[in-house]
Amino acid sequence: HTDTYNKAKILNWDVSAGNILIAPDRSGLLIDWDLSKKMDVDLPRQQSRTGTWQFISTGLLLHPATQSHGLPDDLESFYWVLLYMVMK
């Protein structure tokens, strides 16, 4: 995720437990990039929120009309995935 954002300016927009694969060597892979968005392109963005609702950033859930999806939102989704997996 970090490399994709830093090098290509792309956010996944659907970070969820089902979209993270863990290999036997304990490396991880984020999959399902079909909802991803290129952040350095100034085009109209979809106003409705996409992604797995259990892991969506709380800021986007509470104020959907006033916020655009950014890096902090993807990172918060990783936090919710971690919390979910630890509790499960």
PDB file of N, CA and C in Angstrom:
ATOM      1  N   HIS A   1       0.825  -1.184   0.000  1.00  0.00           N
ATOM      2  CA  HIS A   1       0.000   0.000   0.000  1.00  0.00           C
ATOM      3  C   HIS A   1       0.873   1.253   0.000  1.00  0.00           C
ATOM      4  N   THR A   2       1.900   1.260   0.832  1.00  0.00           N
ATOM      5  CA  THR A   2       2.788   2.423   0.911  1.00  0.00           C
ATOM      6  C   THR A   2       3.489   2.665  -0.414  1.00  0.00           C
ATOM      7  N   ASP A   3       4.040   1.616  -1.000  1.00  0.00           N
ATOM      8  CA  ASP A   3       4.726   1.766  -2.285  1.00  0.00           C
ATOM      9  C   ASP A   3       3.775   2.255  -3.373  1.00  0.00           C
ATOM     10  N   THR A   4       2.588   1.699  -3.415  1.00  0.00           N
ATOM     11  CA  THR A   4       1.617   2.099  -4.437  1.00  0.00           C
ATOM     12  C   THR A   4       1.246   3.564  -4.271  1.00  0.00           C
ATOM     13  N   TYR A   5       1.059   4.003  -3.032  1.00  0.00           N
ATOM     14  CA  TYR A   5       0.707   5.403  -2.812  1.00  0.00           C
ATOM     15  C   TYR A   5       1.892   6.325  -3.105  1.00  0.00           C
ATOM     16  N   ASN A   6       3.067   5.989  -2.579  1.00  0.00           N
ATOM     17  CA  ASN A   6       4.231   6.866  -2.764  1.00  0.00           C
ATOM     18  C   ASN A   6       4.719   6.934  -4.203  1.00  0.00           C
ATOM     19  N   LYS A   7       4.677   5.819  -4.917  1.00  0.00           N
ATOM     20  CA  LYS A   7       5.226   5.790  -6.273  1.00  0.00           C
ATOM     21  C   LYS A   7       4.200   6.111  -7.355  1.00  0.00           C
ATOM     22  N   ALA A   8       2.965   5.679  -7.162  1.00  0.00           N
ATOM     23  CA  ALA A   8       1.961   5.865  -8.214  1.00  0.00           C
ATOM     24  C   ALA A   8       0.799   6.768  -7.802  1.00  0.00           C
ATOM     25  N   LYS A   9       0.754   7.179  -6.539  1.00  0.00           N
ATOM     26  CA  LYS A   9      -0.338   8.015  -6.028  1.00  0.00           C
ATOM     27  C   LYS A   9      -1.706   7.360  -6.239  1.00  0.00           C
ATOM     28  N   ILE A  10      -1.781   6.072  -5.873  1.00  0.00           N
ATOM     29  CA  ILE A  10      -3.031   5.323  -5.988  1.00  0.00           C
ATOM     30  C   ILE A  10      -3.434   4.848  -4.595  1.00  0.00           C
ATOM     31  N   LEU A  11      -4.730   5.027  -4.260  1.00  0.00           N
ATOM     32  CA  LEU A  11      -5.277   4.499  -3.016  1.00  0.00           C
ATOM     33  C   LEU A  11      -6.208   3.341  -3.341  1.00  0.00           C
ATOM     34  N   ASN A  12      -6.246   2.356  -2.460  1.00  0.00           N
ATOM     35  CA  ASN A  12      -7.035   1.150  -2.684  1.00  0.00           C
ATOM     36  C   ASN A  12      -8.532   1.404  -2.545  1.00  0.00           C
ATOM     37  N   TRP A  13      -8.963   2.142  -1.564  1.00  0.00           N
ATOM     38  CA  TRP A  13     -10.355   2.484  -1.269  1.00  0.00           C
ATOM     39  C   TRP A  13     -11.184   1.297  -0.788  1.00  0.00           C
ATOM     40  N   ASP A  14     -10.609   0.110  -0.677  1.00  0.00           N
ATOM     41  CA  ASP A  14     -11.366  -1.052  -0.185  1.00  0.00           C
ATOM     42  C   ASP A  14     -10.460  -1.944   0.657  1.00  0.00           C
ATOM     43  N   VAL A  15      -9.772  -1.350   1.630  1.00  0.00           N
ATOM     44  CA  VAL A  15      -8.943  -2.134   2.541  1.00  0.00           C
ATOM     45  C   VAL A  15      -9.892  -2.878   3.475  1.00  0.00           C
ATOM     46  N   SER A  16      -9.826  -4.204   3.452  1.00  0.00           N
ATOM     47  CA  SER A  16     -10.683  -5.022   4.305  1.00  0.00           C
ATOM     48  C   SER A  16      -9.977  -6.343   4.596  1.00  0.00           C
ATOM     49  N   ALA A  17     -10.501  -7.075   5.553  1.00  0.00           N
ATOM     50  CA  ALA A  17      -9.889  -8.341   5.949  1.00  0.00           C
ATOM     51  C   ALA A  17      -9.843  -9.323   4.781  1.00  0.00           C
ATOM     52  N   GLY A  18     -10.832  -9.297   3.933  1.00  0.00           N
ATOM     53  CA  GLY A  18     -10.872 -10.205   2.797  1.00  0.00           C
ATOM     54  C   GLY A  18      -9.942  -9.821   1.662  1.00  0.00           C
ATOM     55  N   ASN A  19      -9.400  -8.624   1.724  1.00  0.00           N
ATOM     56  CA  ASN A  19      -8.523  -8.153   0.649  1.00  0.00           C
ATOM     57  C   ASN A  19      -7.052  -8.141   1.037  1.00  0.00           C
ATOM     58  N   ILE A  20      -6.722  -8.744   2.153  1.00  0.00           N
ATOM     59  CA  ILE A  20      -5.327  -8.849   2.590  1.00  0.00           C
ATOM     60  C   ILE A  20      -4.961 -10.324   2.643  1.00  0.00           C
ATOM     61  N   LEU A  21      -3.966 -10.696   1.856  1.00  0.00           N
ATOM     62  CA  LEU A  21      -3.476 -12.074   1.845  1.00  0.00           C
ATOM     63  C   LEU A  21      -2.167 -12.137   2.620  1.00  0.00           C
ATOM     64  N   ILE A  22      -2.016 -13.157   3.452  1.00  0.00           N
ATOM     65  CA  ILE A  22      -0.783 -13.369   4.208  1.00  0.00           C
ATOM     66  C   ILE A  22      -0.143 -14.656   3.686  1.00  0.00           C
ATOM     67  N   ALA A  23       1.093 -14.548   3.219  1.00  0.00           N
ATOM     68  CA  ALA A  23       1.830 -15.692   2.685  1.00  0.00           C
ATOM     69  C   ALA A  23       2.460 -16.498   3.824  1.00  0.00           C
ATOM     70  N   PRO A  24       2.884 -17.735   3.562  1.00  0.00           N
ATOM     71  CA  PRO A  24       3.534 -18.544   4.598  1.00  0.00           C
ATOM     72  C   PRO A  24       4.784 -17.877   5.196  1.00  0.00           C
ATOM     73  N   ASP A  25       5.456 -17.035   4.404  1.00  0.00           N
ATOM     74  CA  ASP A  25       6.646 -16.350   4.938  1.00  0.00           C
ATOM     75  C   ASP A  25       6.266 -15.081   5.711  1.00  0.00           C
ATOM     76  N   ARG A  26       4.963 -14.898   5.953  1.00  0.00           N
ATOM     77  CA  ARG A  26       4.386 -13.787   6.726  1.00  0.00           C
ATOM     78  C   ARG A  26       4.449 -12.440   6.009  1.00  0.00           C
ATOM     79  N   SER A  27       4.692 -12.455   4.722  1.00  0.00           N
ATOM     80  CA  SER A  27       4.586 -11.216   3.959  1.00  0.00           C
ATOM     81  C   SER A  27       3.118 -11.037   3.579  1.00  0.00           C
ATOM     82  N   GLY A  28       2.724  -9.813   3.324  1.00  0.00           N
ATOM     83  CA  GLY A  28       1.335  -9.535   3.010  1.00  0.00           C
ATOM     84  C   GLY A  28       1.164  -8.982   1.613  1.00  0.00           C
ATOM     85  N   LEU A  29      -0.039  -9.127   1.090  1.00  0.00           N
ATOM     86  CA  LEU A  29      -0.360  -8.635  -0.232  1.00  0.00           C
ATOM     87  C   LEU A  29      -1.778  -8.076  -0.191  1.00  0.00           C
ATOM     88  N   LEU A  30      -1.927  -6.828  -0.617  1.00  0.00           N
ATOM     89  CA  LEU A  30      -3.241  -6.199  -0.693  1.00  0.00           C
ATOM     90  C   LEU A  30      -3.795  -6.439  -2.096  1.00  0.00           C
ATOM     91  N   ILE A  31      -4.981  -7.024  -2.157  1.00  0.00           N
ATOM     92  CA  ILE A  31      -5.587  -7.371  -3.450  1.00  0.00           C
ATOM     93  C   ILE A  31      -6.863  -6.556  -3.664  1.00  0.00           C
ATOM     94  N   ASP A  32      -7.541  -6.816  -4.756  1.00  0.00           N
ATOM     95  CA  ASP A  32      -8.822  -6.214  -5.102  1.00  0.00           C
ATOM     96  C   ASP A  32      -8.686  -4.701  -5.289  1.00  0.00           C
ATOM     97  N   TRP A  33      -7.996  -4.319  -6.338  1.00  0.00           N
ATOM     98  CA  TRP A  33      -7.728  -2.917  -6.634  1.00  0.00           C
ATOM     99  C   TRP A  33      -8.746  -2.330  -7.608  1.00  0.00           C
ATOM    100  N   ASP A  34      -9.876  -3.005  -7.851  1.00  0.00           N
ATOM    101  CA  ASP A  34     -10.819  -2.499  -8.840  1.00  0.00           C
ATOM    102  C   ASP A  34     -11.559  -1.242  -8.378  1.00  0.00           C
ATOM    103  N   LEU A  35     -11.564  -0.919  -7.090  1.00  0.00           N
ATOM    104  CA  LEU A  35     -12.170   0.323  -6.597  1.00  0.00           C
ATOM    105  C   LEU A  35     -11.132   1.421  -6.375  1.00  0.00           C
ATOM    106  N   SER A  36      -9.876   1.138  -6.682  1.00  0.00           N
ATOM    107  CA  SER A  36      -8.790   2.086  -6.394  1.00  0.00           C
ATOM    108  C   SER A  36      -8.927   3.366  -7.220  1.00  0.00           C
ATOM    109  N   LYS A  37      -8.313   4.427  -6.700  1.00  0.00           N
ATOM    110  CA  LYS A  37      -8.376   5.728  -7.364  1.00  0.00           C
ATOM    111  C   LYS A  37      -6.986   6.338  -7.440  1.00  0.00           C
ATOM    112  N   LYS A  38      -6.675   6.933  -8.566  1.00  0.00           N
ATOM    113  CA  LYS A  38      -5.429   7.661  -8.740  1.00  0.00           C
ATOM    114  C   LYS A  38      -5.623   9.046  -8.126  1.00  0.00           C
ATOM    115  N   MET A  39      -4.779   9.416  -7.186  1.00  0.00           N
ATOM    116  CA  MET A  39      -4.996  10.631  -6.402  1.00  0.00           C
ATOM    117  C   MET A  39      -4.482  11.901  -7.069  1.00  0.00           C
ATOM    118  N   ASP A  40      -3.579  11.805  -8.018  1.00  0.00           N
ATOM    119  CA  ASP A  40      -3.037  13.022  -8.630  1.00  0.00           C
ATOM    120  C   ASP A  40      -3.764  13.423  -9.915  1.00  0.00           C
ATOM    121  N   VAL A  41      -4.889  12.791 -10.198  1.00  0.00           N
ATOM    122  CA  VAL A  41      -5.706  13.147 -11.356  1.00  0.00           C
ATOM    123  C   VAL A  41      -6.881  13.970 -10.849  1.00  0.00           C
ATOM    124  N   ASP A  42      -7.067  15.148 -11.409  1.00  0.00           N
ATOM    125  CA  ASP A  42      -8.122  16.043 -10.953  1.00  0.00           C
ATOM    126  C   ASP A  42      -9.389  15.832 -11.776  1.00  0.00           C
ATOM    127  N   LEU A  43     -10.048  14.732 -11.512  1.00  0.00           N
ATOM    128  CA  LEU A  43     -11.302  14.404 -12.182  1.00  0.00           C
ATOM    129  C   LEU A  43     -12.400  14.314 -11.141  1.00  0.00           C
ATOM    130  N   PRO A  44     -13.651  14.444 -11.553  1.00  0.00           N
ATOM    131  CA  PRO A  44     -14.743  14.274 -10.589  1.00  0.00           C
ATOM    132  C   PRO A  44     -14.683  12.893  -9.959  1.00  0.00           C
ATOM    133  N   ARG A  45     -14.938  12.850  -8.680  1.00  0.00           N
ATOM    134  CA  ARG A  45     -14.902  11.578  -7.948  1.00  0.00           C
ATOM    135  C   ARG A  45     -16.310  11.169  -7.561  1.00  0.00           C
ATOM    136  N   GLN A  46     -16.499   9.893  -7.418  1.00  0.00           N
ATOM    137  CA  GLN A  46     -17.780   9.354  -7.018  1.00  0.00           C
ATOM    138  C   GLN A  46     -18.093   9.829  -5.600  1.00  0.00           C
ATOM    139  N   GLN A  47     -19.275  10.368  -5.379  1.00  0.00           N
ATOM    140  CA  GLN A  47     -19.638  10.887  -4.067  1.00  0.00           C
ATOM    141  C   GLN A  47     -20.056   9.786  -3.104  1.00  0.00           C
ATOM    142  N   SER A  48     -20.638   8.708  -3.599  1.00  0.00           N
ATOM    143  CA  SER A  48     -21.025   7.634  -2.694  1.00  0.00           C
ATOM    144  C   SER A  48     -19.788   6.877  -2.226  1.00  0.00           C
ATOM    145  N   ARG A  49     -19.857   6.320  -1.054  1.00  0.00           N
ATOM    146  CA  ARG A  49     -18.716   5.609  -0.468  1.00  0.00           C
ATOM    147  C   ARG A  49     -18.725   4.165  -0.920  1.00  0.00           C
ATOM    148  N   THR A  50     -17.566   3.702  -1.311  1.00  0.00           N
ATOM    149  CA  THR A  50     -17.426   2.318  -1.724  1.00  0.00           C
ATOM    150  C   THR A  50     -16.494   1.620  -0.763  1.00  0.00           C
ATOM    151  N   GLY A  51     -16.550   0.310  -0.752  1.00  0.00           N
ATOM    152  CA  GLY A  51     -15.678  -0.460   0.107  1.00  0.00           C
ATOM    153  C   GLY A  51     -16.486  -1.298   1.080  1.00  0.00           C
ATOM    154  N   THR A  52     -15.796  -2.030   1.900  1.00  0.00           N
ATOM    155  CA  THR A  52     -16.433  -2.882   2.905  1.00  0.00           C
ATOM    156  C   THR A  52     -16.773  -2.023   4.106  1.00  0.00           C
ATOM    157  N   TRP A  53     -18.053  -1.857   4.402  1.00  0.00           N
ATOM    158  CA  TRP A  53     -18.493  -0.848   5.371  1.00  0.00           C
ATOM    159  C   TRP A  53     -17.923  -1.054   6.763  1.00  0.00           C
ATOM    160  N   GLN A  54     -17.631  -2.291   7.186  1.00  0.00           N
ATOM    161  CA  GLN A  54     -17.084  -2.531   8.522  1.00  0.00           C
ATOM    162  C   GLN A  54     -15.710  -1.896   8.705  1.00  0.00           C
ATOM    163  N   PHE A  55     -15.001  -1.639   7.623  1.00  0.00           N
ATOM    164  CA  PHE A  55     -13.626  -1.148   7.717  1.00  0.00           C
ATOM    165  C   PHE A  55     -13.459   0.263   7.152  1.00  0.00           C
ATOM    166  N   ILE A  56     -14.546   0.918   6.783  1.00  0.00           N
ATOM    167  CA  ILE A  56     -14.465   2.275   6.228  1.00  0.00           C
ATOM    168  C   ILE A  56     -14.122   3.256   7.339  1.00  0.00           C
ATOM    169  N   SER A  57     -13.344   4.260   6.998  1.00  0.00           N
ATOM    170  CA  SER A  57     -12.944   5.315   7.923  1.00  0.00           C
ATOM    171  C   SER A  57     -14.168   5.950   8.589  1.00  0.00           C
ATOM    172  N   THR A  58     -14.085   6.189   9.893  1.00  0.00           N
ATOM    173  CA  THR A  58     -15.211   6.780  10.622  1.00  0.00           C
ATOM    174  C   THR A  58     -15.522   8.188  10.125  1.00  0.00           C
ATOM    175  N   GLY A  59     -14.515   8.936   9.719  1.00  0.00           N
ATOM    176  CA  GLY A  59     -14.760  10.270   9.187  1.00  0.00           C
ATOM    177  C   GLY A  59     -15.626  10.241   7.943  1.00  0.00           C
ATOM    178  N   LEU A  60     -15.409   9.253   7.103  1.00  0.00           N
ATOM    179  CA  LEU A  60     -16.208   9.128   5.883  1.00  0.00           C
ATOM    180  C   LEU A  60     -17.621   8.670   6.191  1.00  0.00           C
ATOM    181  N   LEU A  61     -17.790   7.859   7.229  1.00  0.00           N
ATOM    182  CA  LEU A  61     -19.129   7.401   7.599  1.00  0.00           C
ATOM    183  C   LEU A  61     -19.933   8.516   8.251  1.00  0.00           C
ATOM    184  N   LEU A  62     -19.287   9.335   9.090  1.00  0.00           N
ATOM    185  CA  LEU A  62     -19.998  10.380   9.824  1.00  0.00           C
ATOM    186  C   LEU A  62     -20.269  11.616   8.980  1.00  0.00           C
ATOM    187  N   HIS A  63     -19.371  11.928   8.050  1.00  0.00           N
ATOM    188  CA  HIS A  63     -19.503  13.142   7.242  1.00  0.00           C
ATOM    189  C   HIS A  63     -19.238  12.846   5.770  1.00  0.00           C
ATOM    190  N   PRO A  64     -20.065  12.015   5.142  1.00  0.00           N
ATOM    191  CA  PRO A  64     -19.771  11.582   3.777  1.00  0.00           C
ATOM    192  C   PRO A  64     -19.775  12.703   2.743  1.00  0.00           C
ATOM    193  N   ALA A  65     -20.571  13.721   2.931  1.00  0.00           N
ATOM    194  CA  ALA A  65     -20.673  14.771   1.917  1.00  0.00           C
ATOM    195  C   ALA A  65     -19.553  15.795   2.023  1.00  0.00           C
ATOM    196  N   THR A  66     -18.886  15.880   3.172  1.00  0.00           N
ATOM    197  CA  THR A  66     -17.900  16.940   3.370  1.00  0.00           C
ATOM    198  C   THR A  66     -16.463  16.467   3.229  1.00  0.00           C
ATOM    199  N   GLN A  67     -16.238  15.184   3.067  1.00  0.00           N
ATOM    200  CA  GLN A  67     -14.871  14.684   3.007  1.00  0.00           C
ATOM    201  C   GLN A  67     -14.637  13.879   1.746  1.00  0.00           C
ATOM    202  N   SER A  68     -13.408  13.967   1.248  1.00  0.00           N
ATOM    203  CA  SER A  68     -13.003  13.095   0.160  1.00  0.00           C
ATOM    204  C   SER A  68     -12.056  12.043   0.735  1.00  0.00           C
ATOM    205  N   HIS A  69     -12.043  10.907   0.129  1.00  0.00           N
ATOM    206  CA  HIS A  69     -11.225   9.790   0.597  1.00  0.00           C
ATOM    207  C   HIS A  69      -9.751  10.102   0.374  1.00  0.00           C
ATOM    208  N   GLY A  70      -8.941   9.958   1.411  1.00  0.00           N
ATOM    209  CA  GLY A  70      -7.515  10.225   1.299  1.00  0.00           C
ATOM    210  C   GLY A  70      -6.685   9.151   1.974  1.00  0.00           C
ATOM    211  N   LEU A  71      -5.392   9.378   2.036  1.00  0.00           N
ATOM    212  CA  LEU A  71      -4.479   8.419   2.647  1.00  0.00           C
ATOM    213  C   LEU A  71      -4.859   8.098   4.094  1.00  0.00           C
ATOM    214  N   PRO A  72      -5.205   9.086   4.939  1.00  0.00           N
ATOM    215  CA  PRO A  72      -5.577   8.745   6.315  1.00  0.00           C
ATOM    216  C   PRO A  72      -6.767   7.782   6.391  1.00  0.00           C
ATOM    217  N   ASP A  73      -7.669   7.844   5.434  1.00  0.00           N
ATOM    218  CA  ASP A  73      -8.827   6.953   5.437  1.00  0.00           C
ATOM    219  C   ASP A  73      -8.425   5.518   5.140  1.00  0.00           C
ATOM    220  N   ASP A  74      -7.537   5.308   4.174  1.00  0.00           N
ATOM    221  CA  ASP A  74      -7.037   3.951   3.906  1.00  0.00           C
ATOM    222  C   ASP A  74      -6.269   3.424   5.118  1.00  0.00           C
ATOM    223  N   LEU A  75      -5.460   4.275   5.744  1.00  0.00           N
ATOM    224  CA  LEU A  75      -4.688   3.839   6.908  1.00  0.00           C
ATOM    225  C   LEU A  75      -5.604   3.496   8.077  1.00  0.00           C
ATOM    226  N   GLU A  76      -6.674   4.261   8.259  1.00  0.00           N
ATOM    227  CA  GLU A  76      -7.632   3.930   9.321  1.00  0.00           C
ATOM    228  C   GLU A  76      -8.306   2.587   9.034  1.00  0.00           C
ATOM    229  N   SER A  77      -8.557   2.303   7.776  1.00  0.00           N
ATOM    230  CA  SER A  77      -9.133   1.007   7.419  1.00  0.00           C
ATOM    231  C   SER A  77      -8.210  -0.134   7.824  1.00  0.00           C
ATOM    232  N   PHE A  78      -6.889   0.054   7.655  1.00  0.00           N
ATOM    233  CA  PHE A  78      -5.943  -0.965   8.125  1.00  0.00           C
ATOM    234  C   PHE A  78      -6.058  -1.161   9.633  1.00  0.00           C
ATOM    235  N   TYR A  79      -6.249  -0.077  10.371  1.00  0.00           N
ATOM    236  CA  TYR A  79      -6.419  -0.159  11.826  1.00  0.00           C
ATOM    237  C   TYR A  79      -7.648  -1.007  12.164  1.00  0.00           C
ATOM    238  N   TRP A  80      -8.781  -0.743  11.482  1.00  0.00           N
ATOM    239  CA  TRP A  80      -9.998  -1.503  11.759  1.00  0.00           C
ATOM    240  C   TRP A  80      -9.844  -2.980  11.388  1.00  0.00           C
ATOM    241  N   VAL A  81      -9.103  -3.260  10.333  1.00  0.00           N
ATOM    242  CA  VAL A  81      -8.836  -4.663   9.966  1.00  0.00           C
ATOM    243  C   VAL A  81      -8.007  -5.327  11.068  1.00  0.00           C
ATOM    244  N   LEU A  82      -6.966  -4.654  11.525  1.00  0.00           N
ATOM    245  CA  LEU A  82      -6.132  -5.213  12.589  1.00  0.00           C
ATOM    246  C   LEU A  82      -6.958  -5.476  13.845  1.00  0.00           C
ATOM    247  N   LEU A  83      -7.758  -4.503  14.250  1.00  0.00           N
ATOM    248  CA  LEU A  83      -8.599  -4.676  15.443  1.00  0.00           C
ATOM    249  C   LEU A  83      -9.564  -5.841  15.270  1.00  0.00           C
ATOM    250  N   TYR A  84     -10.183  -5.930  14.119  1.00  0.00           N
ATOM    251  CA  TYR A  84     -11.117  -7.021  13.816  1.00  0.00           C
ATOM    252  C   TYR A  84     -10.433  -8.374  13.919  1.00  0.00           C
ATOM    253  N   MET A  85      -9.251  -8.498  13.322  1.00  0.00           N
ATOM    254  CA  MET A  85      -8.546  -9.772  13.319  1.00  0.00           C
ATOM    255  C   MET A  85      -8.050 -10.152  14.713  1.00  0.00           C
ATOM    256  N   VAL A  86      -7.609  -9.187  15.490  1.00  0.00           N
ATOM    257  CA  VAL A  86      -7.157  -9.468  16.857  1.00  0.00           C
ATOM    258  C   VAL A  86      -8.343  -9.928  17.700  1.00  0.00           C
ATOM    259  N   MET A  87      -9.473  -9.269  17.587  1.00  0.00           N
ATOM    260  CA  MET A  87     -10.661  -9.632  18.382  1.00  0.00           C
ATOM    261  C   MET A  87     -11.249 -10.956  17.933  1.00  0.00           C
ATOM    262  N   LYS A  88     -11.140 -11.242  16.650  1.00  0.00           N
ATOM    263  CA  LYS A  88     -11.708 -12.491  16.128  1.00  0.00           C
ATOM    264  C   LYS A  88     -10.874 -13.665  16.607  1.00  0.00           C
TER     265      LYS A  88
END
